[in-house]
Amino acid sequence: MPVVQPAKERIHKSEPQKRWSAGTLVYTSSGLVVLFLWLMWGDFAWSMRERSVGPMASWYLSHLKVPNVLFGLLLSSLPALIGVIVGPIISVKSDRHRSRWGRRIPFLLATTPLAAFGMIGLGLTPVFAAWVHGHFPNQDEITISIVCFGLFWTSYEFASLAAHSVFGGLVNDVVPKPLLGRFYGMFRAVSLIDGMIFNYWIIGHVPAHFTVILVAIGAFYGFAFLWVCLKIKEGEYPPPAAAGPTVQAGMMKWFPGFLKEVRLYCRECFATPYYLSIFILIKVSALAFSPVNTFAIPYARSLGVDMTVYGKYLALTYLISLCLSYFLGWLADFFHPLRVSIVTLAGYSLLALYGSFYATTPTTFLIAWVGHGVMSGCHFTCSASLGQRLFPHSKYAQFASAASVFTVAANMVAAPLMGMLIDQTGGIYRYTFAVGCVLSILALLAGLIVYRQFVKLGGPENYIAPE
């Protein structure tokens, strides 16, 4: 595990060893392996949560036959609203926090149990809804189910979004920068293994065992991720910038200080055109994949694709992506994640163009669906370390949250508008590919604009993030 002392104090002249550094942390090769193994275990629990909760929530709402507009509001707009409130606050607090546990671990220790609680509550929603309906038989059971789902879904999304940028900040603080691309490639591999396990062996059993599966995954996540948080050690950080008055100082003193903090946050993150173009690239890229991802299960059901078949093809997607993950991470380190991300966006726009015209039968849908998964996965793997390579290191979590805040309005309305389009056209789900194609082209143009400015700031060899 990491050693905080300078590397030169520990290197023996007779036995020179390779040293890797991340801030004040210095690793031997064996220490780096131990760090990666713990982070991989944490990512296994994290990815099992990410790969399972969304699809299971999507299946449950589809099972309730909620309108597509409400479907999009709950699964996309609500998380976006929570993220724009929680993300910046937690991110800035984390960047400035100093404790014997570090600046990231305390926040992860606090949010992990809340996320596990939300997952377990989601799993128990059918039980709670039946119990409430038994006491209030005049109320519609479907409405009660949606309300119960919304409460636990809010708890889950609050904790997950609060932890998201903090976990990325932890990786940025403890993993040596020259290895970030390959590290995220291995992260991607672990995530894909999770996806293969869930979609090949588990998702087909969701209709019959929804509660048992989700409760088990929630309990596993809570235990495993807390264990990792207790094993990872952060280094030492320079003193944080001065913060405004705290709430304890009184509302009259606290509120002006809070407004000052908001102005400072906006000036640092949004006053530089270069960072605005990066935010557009990151968020429009994510939005390009969102229409198909959000409505994939209703899309498949509309064509008569069995959930077991759907899961096996999704597992095939993950298997292909798994074989590519480390190679893609190496490409990101070698060529820079910005360059490789631009190439993957170009590839996805062609795939989405195919899907928008031909994904009208179970076979053509499954072909387009596998292609969508592979190409979007290539992009996420290659761009995973983009923020760490482009944002200021000392304020990474702050800028990562700003990337989400910048396009929150688009996040909140995109899925409901997509659902409205599907409803208005009588259930033509292939329009999800058409919208994804347009958005991927816009993201590609944003990537080219960012790259032009990136080269002016030093390019891959001499880049310095403006502050």
Protein backbone atom coordinates (compact mmCIF):
# COMPACT_ATOMS: atom_id res chain seq x y z
CA MET A 1 0.00 0.00 0.00
CA PRO A 2 1.13 3.63 -0.32
CA VAL A 3 4.04 5.15 1.57
CA VAL A 4 3.78 8.85 2.34
CA GLN A 5 7.53 9.47 2.74
CA PRO A 6 9.47 10.74 -0.30
CA ALA A 7 10.59 7.96 -2.59
CA LYS A 8 14.29 8.89 -2.33
CA GLU A 9 14.31 7.97 1.38
CA ARG A 10 13.23 4.42 0.62
CA ILE A 11 15.20 3.49 -2.48
CA HIS A 12 18.22 1.30 -1.82
CA LYS A 13 21.07 1.89 -4.24
CA SER A 14 21.80 -1.82 -4.40
CA GLU A 15 18.20 -2.73 -5.28
CA PRO A 16 16.62 0.03 -7.38
CA GLN A 17 12.87 -0.35 -7.72
CA LYS A 18 10.32 1.32 -9.90
CA ARG A 19 8.37 3.98 -8.01
CA TRP A 20 4.97 5.41 -8.90
CA SER A 21 3.68 8.58 -7.27
CA ALA A 22 0.29 10.24 -6.87
CA GLY A 23 0.60 13.44 -4.86
CA THR A 24 2.42 12.55 -1.63
CA LEU A 25 1.70 8.85 -2.11
CA VAL A 26 4.54 6.72 -3.44
CA TYR A 27 4.07 3.10 -4.50
CA THR A 28 6.34 0.22 -5.29
CA SER A 29 5.10 -2.11 -8.01
CA SER A 30 3.71 -4.50 -5.39
CA GLY A 31 2.02 -1.64 -3.53
CA LEU A 32 0.44 -0.51 -6.77
CA VAL A 33 -0.92 -4.01 -7.35
CA VAL A 34 -2.48 -4.04 -3.85
CA LEU A 35 -4.05 -0.63 -4.45
CA PHE A 36 -5.49 -1.75 -7.78
CA LEU A 37 -6.88 -4.96 -6.28
CA TRP A 38 -8.73 -3.06 -3.54
CA LEU A 39 -10.05 -0.49 -6.00
CA MET A 40 -11.10 -3.30 -8.36
CA TRP A 41 -13.03 -4.98 -5.55
CA GLY A 42 -14.71 -1.67 -4.76
CA ASP A 43 -15.51 -1.20 -8.42
CA PHE A 44 -16.98 -4.71 -8.58
CA ALA A 45 -19.48 -3.75 -5.86
CA TRP A 46 -20.03 -0.30 -7.41
CA SER A 47 -20.59 -1.74 -10.90
CA MET A 48 -22.90 -4.49 -9.67
CA ARG A 49 -25.06 -1.70 -8.27
CA GLU A 50 -24.83 0.36 -11.47
CA ARG A 51 -25.51 -2.59 -13.77
CA SER A 52 -28.46 -3.96 -11.83
CA VAL A 53 -30.50 -1.19 -10.18
CA GLY A 54 -31.25 0.79 -13.34
CA PRO A 55 -32.42 -2.17 -15.46
CA MET A 56 -34.44 -3.59 -12.55
CA ALA A 57 -36.06 -0.22 -11.88
CA SER A 58 -36.80 0.07 -15.60
CA TRP A 59 -38.37 -3.41 -15.63
CA TYR A 60 -40.49 -2.64 -12.56
CA LEU A 61 -41.89 0.60 -14.01
CA SER A 62 -42.50 -1.13 -17.33
CA HIS A 63 -44.26 -3.91 -15.39
CA LEU A 64 -46.51 -1.28 -13.81
CA LYS A 65 -47.23 0.06 -17.33
CA VAL A 66 -46.47 3.67 -16.41
CA PRO A 67 -46.64 6.20 -19.30
CA ASN A 68 -43.34 6.78 -21.11
CA VAL A 69 -43.32 10.42 -19.99
CA LEU A 70 -43.50 9.41 -16.30
CA PHE A 71 -40.97 6.65 -17.04
CA GLY A 72 -38.49 9.25 -18.29
CA LEU A 73 -39.23 11.67 -15.46
CA LEU A 74 -38.50 9.10 -12.75
CA LEU A 75 -35.48 7.42 -14.33
CA SER A 76 -33.80 10.48 -15.87
CA SER A 77 -35.22 13.85 -14.83
CA LEU A 78 -35.39 13.16 -11.08
CA PRO A 79 -31.73 12.02 -10.88
CA ALA A 80 -30.71 15.10 -12.90
CA LEU A 81 -32.55 17.41 -10.48
CA ILE A 82 -30.97 15.70 -7.47
CA GLY A 83 -27.56 15.85 -9.10
CA VAL A 84 -27.64 19.59 -9.78
CA ILE A 85 -28.34 20.25 -6.10
CA VAL A 86 -26.22 17.60 -4.42
CA GLY A 87 -23.28 17.29 -6.81
CA PRO A 88 -21.73 20.77 -6.50
CA ILE A 89 -22.19 20.95 -2.72
CA ILE A 90 -20.65 17.56 -2.00
CA SER A 91 -17.87 18.02 -4.58
CA VAL A 92 -16.69 21.38 -3.25
CA LYS A 93 -16.95 20.13 0.35
CA SER A 94 -14.88 17.08 -0.58
CA ASP A 95 -12.17 19.11 -2.36
CA ARG A 96 -11.78 21.28 0.76
CA HIS A 97 -12.24 18.60 3.42
CA ARG A 98 -9.21 17.55 5.49
CA SER A 99 -9.30 14.75 8.04
CA ARG A 100 -7.21 11.82 9.18
CA TRP A 101 -9.27 9.68 6.77
CA GLY A 102 -8.53 12.01 3.83
CA ARG A 103 -10.89 14.23 1.84
CA ARG A 104 -12.87 11.58 -0.10
CA ILE A 105 -13.26 8.54 2.18
CA PRO A 106 -15.47 10.27 4.83
CA PHE A 107 -18.08 11.16 2.20
CA LEU A 108 -18.07 7.63 0.77
CA LEU A 109 -18.48 6.17 4.26
CA ALA A 110 -21.54 8.38 4.79
CA THR A 111 -23.27 7.77 1.45
CA THR A 112 -22.72 4.02 1.06
CA PRO A 113 -25.23 2.91 3.75
CA LEU A 114 -27.84 5.34 2.36
CA ALA A 115 -27.44 3.90 -1.15
CA ALA A 116 -27.75 0.36 0.22
CA PHE A 117 -30.89 1.39 2.12
CA GLY A 118 -32.42 2.80 -1.08
CA MET A 119 -31.65 -0.38 -3.03
CA ILE A 120 -33.13 -2.64 -0.37
CA GLY A 121 -36.19 -0.37 -0.17
CA LEU A 122 -36.64 -0.55 -3.95
CA GLY A 123 -36.53 -4.32 -3.74
CA LEU A 124 -39.16 -4.32 -1.01
CA THR A 125 -41.43 -1.83 -2.83
CA PRO A 126 -43.92 -4.51 -4.00
CA VAL A 127 -44.17 -5.75 -0.40
CA PHE A 128 -44.61 -2.25 1.04
CA ALA A 129 -47.14 -1.31 -1.66
CA ALA A 130 -49.24 -4.41 -0.96
CA TRP A 131 -49.10 -3.71 2.80
CA VAL A 132 -50.16 -0.05 2.36
CA HIS A 133 -52.92 -1.03 -0.05
CA GLY A 134 -54.20 -3.52 2.50
CA HIS A 135 -54.66 -0.70 5.00
CA PHE A 136 -56.06 1.73 2.39
CA PRO A 137 -58.05 -0.46 -0.02
CA ASN A 138 -59.77 2.50 -1.64
CA GLN A 139 -56.47 3.77 -3.02
CA ASP A 140 -55.15 2.54 -6.36
CA GLU A 141 -52.39 -0.04 -5.79
CA ILE A 142 -50.44 1.07 -8.88
CA THR A 143 -50.34 4.66 -7.58
CA ILE A 144 -49.18 3.44 -4.17
CA SER A 145 -46.45 1.37 -5.86
CA ILE A 146 -45.22 4.38 -7.84
CA VAL A 147 -45.12 6.56 -4.69
CA CYS A 148 -43.19 3.91 -2.73
CA PHE A 149 -40.84 3.45 -5.67
CA GLY A 150 -40.28 7.22 -5.92
CA LEU A 151 -39.36 7.55 -2.23
CA PHE A 152 -36.73 4.79 -2.28
CA TRP A 153 -35.51 5.78 -5.73
CA THR A 154 -34.89 9.31 -4.44
CA SER A 155 -32.88 7.98 -1.49
CA TYR A 156 -30.85 5.74 -3.78
CA GLU A 157 -30.14 8.45 -6.37
CA PHE A 158 -29.25 11.03 -3.70
CA ALA A 159 -26.59 8.74 -2.23
CA SER A 160 -25.33 7.50 -5.59
CA LEU A 161 -24.95 10.95 -7.13
CA ALA A 162 -23.30 12.32 -4.00
CA ALA A 163 -20.75 9.51 -4.11
CA HIS A 164 -20.14 9.57 -7.86
CA SER A 165 -17.82 12.55 -8.24
CA VAL A 166 -16.25 11.83 -4.85
CA PHE A 167 -15.27 8.33 -5.97
CA GLY A 168 -13.81 9.77 -9.17
CA GLY A 169 -11.90 12.25 -7.02
CA LEU A 170 -10.53 9.39 -4.90
CA VAL A 171 -9.22 7.64 -8.00
CA ASN A 172 -7.70 10.91 -9.20
CA ASP A 173 -5.96 11.37 -5.84
CA VAL A 174 -4.52 7.88 -5.34
CA VAL A 175 -3.80 6.53 -8.84
CA PRO A 176 -0.64 7.75 -10.66
CA LYS A 177 -1.64 9.95 -13.61
CA PRO A 178 0.36 8.05 -16.30
CA LEU A 179 -1.67 4.93 -15.47
CA LEU A 180 -5.16 6.45 -15.39
CA GLY A 181 -6.20 5.22 -18.84
CA ARG A 182 -5.15 1.62 -18.21
CA PHE A 183 -6.62 1.77 -14.73
CA TYR A 184 -9.99 2.85 -16.09
CA GLY A 185 -9.63 0.15 -18.74
CA MET A 186 -9.43 -2.41 -15.91
CA PHE A 187 -12.32 -0.66 -14.16
CA ARG A 188 -14.27 -1.05 -17.36
CA ALA A 189 -13.36 -4.75 -17.49
CA VAL A 190 -14.66 -5.28 -13.95
CA SER A 191 -17.83 -3.37 -14.78
CA LEU A 192 -18.37 -5.52 -17.86
CA ILE A 193 -17.86 -8.73 -15.89
CA ASP A 194 -20.56 -7.47 -13.52
CA GLY A 195 -22.80 -6.76 -16.48
CA MET A 196 -22.22 -10.21 -17.94
CA ILE A 197 -23.01 -11.91 -14.63
CA PHE A 198 -26.19 -9.90 -14.11
CA ASN A 199 -27.53 -10.04 -17.66
CA TYR A 200 -26.60 -13.63 -18.51
CA TRP A 201 -27.60 -15.36 -15.29
CA ILE A 202 -29.79 -12.98 -13.27
CA ILE A 203 -31.94 -10.60 -15.32
CA GLY A 204 -34.08 -13.42 -16.71
CA HIS A 205 -35.16 -14.22 -13.13
CA VAL A 206 -36.10 -10.61 -12.26
CA PRO A 207 -39.82 -10.98 -13.08
CA ALA A 208 -40.16 -13.87 -10.61
CA HIS A 209 -37.62 -12.81 -7.96
CA PHE A 210 -37.39 -9.01 -8.16
CA THR A 211 -37.38 -8.46 -4.37
CA VAL A 212 -34.87 -11.17 -3.45
CA ILE A 213 -32.37 -10.15 -6.15
CA LEU A 214 -32.42 -6.42 -5.43
CA VAL A 215 -32.27 -6.83 -1.64
CA ALA A 216 -29.30 -9.21 -1.99
CA ILE A 217 -27.42 -6.82 -4.30
CA GLY A 218 -28.10 -3.88 -1.97
CA ALA A 219 -26.76 -5.76 1.07
CA PHE A 220 -23.69 -6.91 -0.87
CA TYR A 221 -22.93 -3.41 -2.09
CA GLY A 222 -23.21 -1.89 1.38
CA PHE A 223 -20.84 -4.44 2.94
CA ALA A 224 -18.26 -4.65 0.13
CA PHE A 225 -17.89 -0.93 -0.59
CA LEU A 226 -17.62 0.01 3.09
CA TRP A 227 -14.85 -2.58 3.42
CA VAL A 228 -12.92 -0.97 0.56
CA CYS A 229 -13.33 2.51 2.07
CA LEU A 230 -11.66 1.26 5.25
CA LYS A 231 -8.73 -0.20 3.30
CA ILE A 232 -7.79 2.64 0.92
CA LYS A 233 -5.39 5.27 2.25
CA GLU A 234 -5.28 8.82 0.95
CA GLY A 235 -2.17 10.98 1.01
CA GLU A 236 -1.64 14.47 2.40
CA TYR A 237 -3.13 17.51 0.72
CA PRO A 238 -2.16 21.20 0.74
CA PRO A 239 -4.39 23.46 2.85
CA PRO A 240 -7.74 24.20 1.14
CA ALA A 241 -8.84 27.61 -0.04
CA ALA A 242 -10.69 29.64 2.57
CA ALA A 243 -14.40 28.86 2.75
CA GLY A 244 -17.30 31.15 3.56
CA PRO A 245 -19.04 31.32 6.96
CA THR A 246 -20.75 28.16 8.20
CA VAL A 247 -24.43 27.80 9.04
CA GLN A 248 -23.53 27.86 12.74
CA ALA A 249 -22.35 31.44 12.29
CA GLY A 250 -25.94 32.56 11.89
CA MET A 251 -28.18 33.01 8.87
CA MET A 252 -27.33 36.69 8.42
CA LYS A 253 -23.62 35.86 8.16
CA TRP A 254 -24.01 32.50 6.45
CA PHE A 255 -26.26 33.49 3.54
CA PRO A 256 -23.97 36.21 2.08
CA GLY A 257 -21.07 33.78 2.46
CA PHE A 258 -23.04 31.10 0.66
CA LEU A 259 -23.80 33.47 -2.21
CA LYS A 260 -20.12 34.34 -2.38
CA GLU A 261 -19.29 30.64 -2.62
CA VAL A 262 -21.83 30.20 -5.42
CA ARG A 263 -20.37 33.13 -7.36
CA LEU A 264 -16.85 31.76 -6.88
CA TYR A 265 -17.96 28.30 -8.05
CA CYS A 266 -19.62 29.75 -11.16
CA ARG A 267 -16.69 32.02 -11.97
CA GLU A 268 -14.09 29.27 -11.66
CA CYS A 269 -16.09 26.66 -13.58
CA PHE A 270 -18.17 28.55 -16.12
CA ALA A 271 -16.30 31.77 -16.95
CA THR A 272 -13.68 30.02 -19.10
CA PRO A 273 -14.88 29.14 -22.64
CA TYR A 274 -12.44 26.22 -22.76
CA TYR A 275 -14.07 24.47 -19.81
CA LEU A 276 -17.52 25.23 -21.19
CA SER A 277 -16.59 23.38 -24.37
CA ILE A 278 -15.35 20.42 -22.32
CA PHE A 279 -18.62 20.33 -20.38
CA ILE A 280 -20.56 20.33 -23.64
CA LEU A 281 -18.44 17.49 -25.00
CA ILE A 282 -18.88 15.33 -21.87
CA LYS A 283 -22.59 15.86 -21.42
CA VAL A 284 -23.72 15.79 -25.04
CA SER A 285 -21.73 12.56 -25.45
CA ALA A 286 -23.60 11.04 -22.51
CA LEU A 287 -26.91 12.35 -23.83
CA ALA A 288 -26.22 10.71 -27.20
CA PHE A 289 -26.30 7.24 -25.62
CA SER A 290 -29.14 8.04 -23.21
CA PRO A 291 -32.21 7.61 -25.51
CA VAL A 292 -31.39 4.00 -26.38
CA ASN A 293 -30.17 3.17 -22.86
CA THR A 294 -33.26 4.63 -21.17
CA PHE A 295 -35.85 2.94 -23.38
CA ALA A 296 -33.99 -0.27 -24.28
CA ILE A 297 -36.23 -2.59 -22.24
CA PRO A 298 -39.55 -1.09 -23.44
CA TYR A 299 -38.07 -1.10 -26.98
CA ALA A 300 -37.23 -4.81 -26.70
CA ARG A 301 -40.63 -5.65 -25.20
CA SER A 302 -42.42 -3.77 -28.00
CA LEU A 303 -40.75 -6.09 -30.53
CA GLY A 304 -41.47 -9.22 -28.54
CA VAL A 305 -37.89 -9.84 -27.40
CA ASP A 306 -37.88 -12.14 -24.36
CA MET A 307 -36.05 -10.78 -21.29
CA THR A 308 -33.82 -13.86 -21.17
CA VAL A 309 -32.78 -13.33 -24.79
CA TYR A 310 -32.31 -9.62 -24.12
CA GLY A 311 -30.04 -10.41 -21.17
CA LYS A 312 -27.93 -12.89 -23.14
CA TYR A 313 -27.35 -10.44 -25.98
CA LEU A 314 -26.45 -7.75 -23.50
CA ALA A 315 -24.00 -10.20 -21.93
CA LEU A 316 -22.53 -10.73 -25.42
CA THR A 317 -22.09 -6.97 -25.68
CA TYR A 318 -20.21 -6.94 -22.40
CA LEU A 319 -18.04 -9.87 -23.48
CA ILE A 320 -16.96 -8.03 -26.63
CA SER A 321 -16.32 -4.85 -24.66
CA LEU A 322 -14.39 -6.84 -22.02
CA CYS A 323 -11.99 -8.11 -24.67
CA LEU A 324 -11.41 -4.51 -25.79
CA SER A 325 -11.26 -2.76 -22.40
CA TYR A 326 -7.56 -2.92 -21.49
CA PHE A 327 -6.51 -2.23 -25.09
CA LEU A 328 -8.75 0.84 -25.16
CA GLY A 329 -7.30 2.03 -21.85
CA TRP A 330 -3.80 1.66 -23.30
CA LEU A 331 -4.88 3.63 -26.38
CA ALA A 332 -6.18 6.41 -24.13
CA ASP A 333 -2.85 6.58 -22.27
CA PHE A 334 -0.81 6.42 -25.49
CA PHE A 335 -2.78 8.77 -27.75
CA HIS A 336 -4.69 10.74 -25.07
CA PRO A 337 -8.34 10.11 -24.13
CA LEU A 338 -9.55 13.20 -26.02
CA ARG A 339 -8.26 11.94 -29.35
CA VAL A 340 -9.62 8.41 -28.95
CA SER A 341 -12.99 9.71 -27.71
CA ILE A 342 -13.43 11.72 -30.91
CA VAL A 343 -12.90 8.56 -32.97
CA THR A 344 -15.46 6.58 -30.93
CA LEU A 345 -18.08 9.32 -31.34
CA ALA A 346 -17.65 9.18 -35.10
CA GLY A 347 -18.12 5.40 -35.01
CA TYR A 348 -21.24 5.64 -32.86
CA SER A 349 -22.90 8.18 -35.15
CA LEU A 350 -22.68 5.66 -38.00
CA LEU A 351 -24.07 2.85 -35.83
CA ALA A 352 -26.97 5.01 -34.62
CA LEU A 353 -27.74 5.96 -38.22
CA TYR A 354 -28.12 2.26 -39.03
CA GLY A 355 -30.38 1.67 -36.02
CA SER A 356 -32.63 4.62 -36.84
CA PHE A 357 -33.54 3.03 -40.19
CA TYR A 358 -33.32 -0.73 -39.70
CA ALA A 359 -33.90 -1.66 -36.02
CA THR A 360 -37.54 -2.62 -36.61
CA THR A 361 -37.51 -6.40 -36.01
CA PRO A 362 -36.18 -8.50 -33.11
CA THR A 363 -33.12 -9.53 -35.15
CA THR A 364 -32.20 -6.07 -36.45
CA PHE A 365 -32.88 -4.55 -33.02
CA LEU A 366 -30.53 -7.02 -31.35
CA ILE A 367 -27.83 -6.30 -33.95
CA ALA A 368 -28.17 -2.54 -33.43
CA TRP A 369 -28.44 -3.02 -29.65
CA VAL A 370 -25.17 -4.99 -29.49
CA GLY A 371 -23.47 -2.43 -31.74
CA HIS A 372 -24.80 0.40 -29.58
CA GLY A 373 -23.47 -1.27 -26.45
CA VAL A 374 -20.02 -1.93 -27.91
CA MET A 375 -19.56 1.54 -29.43
CA SER A 376 -20.91 3.42 -26.41
CA GLY A 377 -18.77 1.20 -24.19
CA CYS A 378 -15.69 2.04 -26.26
CA HIS A 379 -16.43 5.72 -25.75
CA PHE A 380 -16.97 5.43 -22.00
CA THR A 381 -13.74 3.42 -21.59
CA CYS A 382 -11.65 5.82 -23.65
CA SER A 383 -13.14 8.96 -22.08
CA ALA A 384 -13.18 7.70 -18.47
CA SER A 385 -9.96 9.55 -17.59
CA LEU A 386 -10.81 12.65 -19.68
CA GLY A 387 -11.75 14.82 -16.70
CA GLN A 388 -8.65 13.80 -14.75
CA ARG A 389 -6.49 14.74 -17.73
CA LEU A 390 -8.19 18.07 -18.53
CA PHE A 391 -9.48 19.54 -15.23
CA PRO A 392 -7.28 21.16 -12.53
CA HIS A 393 -6.08 18.38 -10.23
CA SER A 394 -6.70 20.20 -6.93
CA LYS A 395 -10.33 20.96 -7.86
CA TYR A 396 -11.21 17.88 -9.87
CA ALA A 397 -14.41 16.99 -7.99
CA GLN A 398 -15.65 20.59 -8.28
CA PHE A 399 -15.18 20.65 -12.07
CA ALA A 400 -16.62 17.14 -12.42
CA SER A 401 -19.79 18.31 -10.68
CA ALA A 402 -19.88 21.44 -12.84
CA ALA A 403 -19.93 19.22 -15.93
CA SER A 404 -23.20 17.76 -14.64
CA VAL A 405 -24.67 21.10 -13.57
CA PHE A 406 -23.94 22.71 -16.93
CA THR A 407 -26.47 20.63 -18.84
CA VAL A 408 -28.91 19.71 -16.08
CA ALA A 409 -31.82 21.22 -18.01
CA ALA A 410 -31.07 18.92 -20.94
CA ASN A 411 -30.79 15.93 -18.59
CA MET A 412 -34.15 16.73 -17.01
CA VAL A 413 -36.11 17.16 -20.23
CA ALA A 414 -34.35 14.75 -22.62
CA ALA A 415 -35.91 11.48 -21.43
CA PRO A 416 -39.46 12.85 -20.97
CA LEU A 417 -39.30 14.47 -24.42
CA MET A 418 -38.04 11.20 -25.87
CA GLY A 419 -40.89 9.39 -24.13
CA MET A 420 -43.38 11.96 -25.44
CA LEU A 421 -42.05 11.49 -28.99
CA ILE A 422 -42.45 7.72 -28.70
CA ASP A 423 -45.97 8.08 -27.32
CA GLN A 424 -47.02 10.60 -29.97
CA THR A 425 -45.74 8.39 -32.81
CA GLY A 426 -47.56 5.32 -31.56
CA GLY A 427 -44.55 3.57 -30.03
CA ILE A 428 -41.86 3.95 -32.73
CA TYR A 429 -38.85 3.25 -30.53
CA ARG A 430 -36.29 3.36 -33.35
CA TYR A 431 -36.42 7.14 -33.03
CA THR A 432 -34.18 6.65 -29.99
CA PHE A 433 -31.39 5.75 -32.43
CA ALA A 434 -32.21 8.75 -34.64
CA VAL A 435 -31.97 11.18 -31.73
CA GLY A 436 -28.77 9.47 -30.57
CA CYS A 437 -27.28 9.91 -34.04
CA VAL A 438 -27.95 13.65 -34.06
CA LEU A 439 -26.56 14.12 -30.55
CA SER A 440 -23.42 12.09 -31.30
CA ILE A 441 -22.69 14.30 -34.31
CA LEU A 442 -23.06 17.40 -32.11
CA ALA A 443 -20.74 15.81 -29.53
CA LEU A 444 -18.22 15.04 -32.27
CA LEU A 445 -18.19 18.69 -33.30
CA ALA A 446 -17.72 19.73 -29.65
CA GLY A 447 -14.80 17.30 -29.38
CA LEU A 448 -13.06 18.87 -32.35
CA ILE A 449 -13.48 22.34 -30.81
CA VAL A 450 -12.03 21.13 -27.49
CA TYR A 451 -9.11 19.46 -29.25
CA ARG A 452 -8.19 22.66 -31.07
CA GLN A 453 -8.01 24.56 -27.76
CA PHE A 454 -6.27 21.62 -26.06
CA VAL A 455 -3.41 21.80 -28.58
CA LYS A 456 -2.99 25.53 -27.93
CA LEU A 457 -2.60 24.77 -24.19
CA GLY A 458 0.32 22.42 -24.76
CA GLY A 459 -1.24 19.28 -26.19
CA PRO A 460 -0.61 15.77 -24.85
CA GLU A 461 3.01 16.44 -23.87
CA ASN A 462 2.91 19.86 -22.21
CA TYR A 463 -0.72 20.46 -21.25
CA ILE A 464 -1.43 22.69 -18.25
CA ALA A 465 -5.04 23.11 -17.13
CA PRO A 466 -5.97 26.81 -16.94
CA GLU A 467 -7.07 28.03 -13.48
